[in-house]
Amino acid sequence: MSRKTFAVTQKNLELRSAALAANSADLPHMEVPRQKVDAMLTELKDLTTQQASLTASKQEISKRLAALNNEGQRMITFLDVGVRQHYGTQSEKLVEFGQQPFRPQPRLRLVGLDGKPVKPGTIPVQPPTPTPPHP
């Protein structure tokens, strides 16, 4: 059996119900199924109306959630700035608020090949090692 949309099923049920009602004298044994079809149609229409209402409600709720999310992100930024201003950017207390304190990296001491400190930007040069002559 192929799957049909709710609208197609509803249309077909309405057609069958109207045809059964018009031919009730010829088909008296189909009165009980026709009543069931009418009950199904009523419930189908009610549920379709309810679904449309819930869809609209869902869309409004989604918009409100998005607005609250944006407002919440702005509030987080505001609070983070206030906390950093109060405690300072390097305070470990920031971790309690979900922030990472600024931790400067230790400076590397550049040492040349001879073990003496080297100025940054200069390249230590190693004297060339003599190579034995090839015979």
Protein backbone atom coordinates (compact mmCIF):
# COMPACT_ATOMS: atom_id res chain seq x y z
CA MET A 1 0.00 0.00 0.00
CA SER A 2 1.47 3.34 -1.00
CA ARG A 3 1.80 6.10 1.58
CA LYS A 4 -0.36 9.13 0.96
CA THR A 5 -0.31 12.52 2.60
CA PHE A 6 -2.83 13.43 5.27
CA ALA A 7 -4.57 15.81 2.87
CA VAL A 8 -5.00 13.11 0.20
CA THR A 9 -6.31 10.62 2.78
CA GLN A 10 -8.70 13.23 4.19
CA LYS A 11 -9.98 14.10 0.70
CA ASN A 12 -10.52 10.42 -0.14
CA LEU A 13 -12.34 9.77 3.15
CA GLU A 14 -14.61 12.77 2.56
CA LEU A 15 -15.39 11.50 -0.96
CA ARG A 16 -16.20 8.00 0.33
CA SER A 17 -18.35 9.33 3.16
CA ALA A 18 -20.37 11.59 0.87
CA ALA A 19 -20.85 8.74 -1.65
CA LEU A 20 -21.95 6.32 1.10
CA ALA A 21 -24.38 8.90 2.50
CA ALA A 22 -25.86 9.53 -0.96
CA ASN A 23 -26.28 5.78 -1.58
CA SER A 24 -27.31 4.73 1.94
CA ALA A 25 -30.54 3.14 0.63
CA ASP A 26 -28.56 0.82 -1.66
CA LEU A 27 -25.84 0.10 0.93
CA PRO A 28 -27.53 -0.16 4.35
CA HIS A 29 -24.84 -2.60 5.59
CA MET A 30 -22.19 0.14 5.09
CA GLU A 31 -23.81 2.57 7.60
CA VAL A 32 -21.58 1.56 10.54
CA PRO A 33 -18.33 1.92 8.52
CA ARG A 34 -19.57 5.30 7.24
CA GLN A 35 -20.07 6.48 10.82
CA LYS A 36 -16.54 5.34 11.64
CA VAL A 37 -15.26 7.28 8.61
CA ASP A 38 -17.13 10.40 9.78
CA ALA A 39 -15.60 10.02 13.26
CA MET A 40 -12.14 9.62 11.71
CA LEU A 41 -12.64 12.71 9.56
CA THR A 42 -13.70 14.75 12.57
CA GLU A 43 -10.64 13.66 14.54
CA LEU A 44 -8.37 14.15 11.52
CA LYS A 45 -9.61 17.73 11.08
CA ASP A 46 -9.26 18.46 14.81
CA LEU A 47 -5.72 17.08 14.91
CA THR A 48 -4.74 19.00 11.78
CA THR A 49 -6.01 22.22 13.37
CA GLN A 50 -4.18 21.40 16.60
CA GLN A 51 -0.99 20.63 14.68
CA ALA A 52 -1.15 23.98 12.86
CA SER A 53 -1.63 25.75 16.19
CA LEU A 54 1.31 23.90 17.74
CA THR A 55 3.49 24.64 14.72
CA ALA A 56 2.78 28.36 15.09
CA SER A 57 3.44 28.10 18.83
CA LYS A 58 6.69 26.21 18.18
CA GLN A 59 7.86 28.93 15.80
CA GLU A 60 7.13 31.63 18.37
CA ILE A 61 8.94 29.65 21.06
CA SER A 62 11.93 29.15 18.74
CA LYS A 63 12.10 32.91 18.13
CA ARG A 64 11.93 33.61 21.87
CA LEU A 65 14.66 31.03 22.56
CA ALA A 66 16.91 32.65 19.96
CA ALA A 67 16.30 36.11 21.46
CA LEU A 68 17.04 34.85 24.98
CA ASN A 69 20.19 33.13 23.72
CA ASN A 70 21.46 36.37 22.16
CA GLU A 71 20.60 38.33 25.30
CA GLY A 72 22.32 35.68 27.43
CA GLN A 73 25.51 35.88 25.33
CA ARG A 74 25.57 39.66 25.77
CA MET A 75 25.06 39.25 29.53
CA ILE A 76 27.92 36.72 29.71
CA THR A 77 30.21 39.19 27.94
CA PHE A 78 29.16 41.97 30.31
CA LEU A 79 29.73 39.78 33.39
CA ASP A 80 33.09 38.51 32.13
CA VAL A 81 34.35 42.06 31.60
CA GLY A 82 33.17 43.08 35.09
CA VAL A 83 34.82 40.09 36.75
CA ARG A 84 38.08 40.60 34.84
CA GLN A 85 38.04 44.28 35.76
CA HIS A 86 37.56 43.43 39.44
CA TYR A 87 40.03 40.55 39.82
CA GLY A 88 42.49 41.41 37.05
CA THR A 89 43.37 39.49 33.94
CA GLN A 90 45.97 37.25 35.60
CA SER A 91 43.99 36.18 38.69
CA GLU A 92 43.39 32.45 39.10
CA LYS A 93 39.99 33.41 40.57
CA LEU A 94 38.80 33.83 36.95
CA VAL A 95 38.74 30.04 36.57
CA GLU A 96 35.83 29.94 39.01
CA PHE A 97 33.86 32.08 36.56
CA GLY A 98 34.67 29.91 33.55
CA GLN A 99 37.36 32.23 32.24
CA GLN A 100 41.01 31.56 31.56
CA PRO A 101 43.45 33.90 33.24
CA PHE A 102 46.24 35.42 31.21
CA ARG A 103 49.34 33.38 31.89
CA PRO A 104 52.42 34.87 30.22
CA GLN A 105 54.82 32.39 28.72
CA PRO A 106 58.26 32.29 30.35
CA ARG A 107 60.99 33.84 28.24
CA LEU A 108 63.41 31.45 26.69
CA ARG A 109 67.04 32.11 27.29
CA LEU A 110 68.94 31.78 24.07
CA VAL A 111 72.20 29.98 24.52
CA GLY A 112 74.83 29.59 21.85
CA LEU A 113 76.77 26.45 21.06
CA ASP A 114 79.48 27.53 23.42
CA GLY A 115 76.99 27.86 26.32
CA LYS A 116 77.08 31.67 26.41
CA PRO A 117 73.87 33.77 26.13
CA VAL A 118 73.09 35.03 22.64
CA LYS A 119 71.23 38.20 21.70
CA PRO A 120 67.81 37.55 20.11
CA GLY A 121 67.90 37.81 16.32
CA THR A 122 71.46 36.67 15.95
CA ILE A 123 72.26 33.25 14.61
CA PRO A 124 75.01 31.39 16.43
CA VAL A 125 77.65 30.30 14.00
CA GLN A 126 79.59 27.13 14.57
CA PRO A 127 83.06 27.09 13.16
CA PRO A 128 83.42 24.63 10.31
CA THR A 129 84.99 21.34 11.25
CA PRO A 130 87.87 20.31 9.08
CA THR A 131 87.16 17.30 6.92
CA PRO A 132 89.89 14.77 6.20
CA PRO A 133 91.11 14.84 2.61
CA HIS A 134 90.06 11.99 0.39
CA PRO A 135 92.92 9.97 -1.09
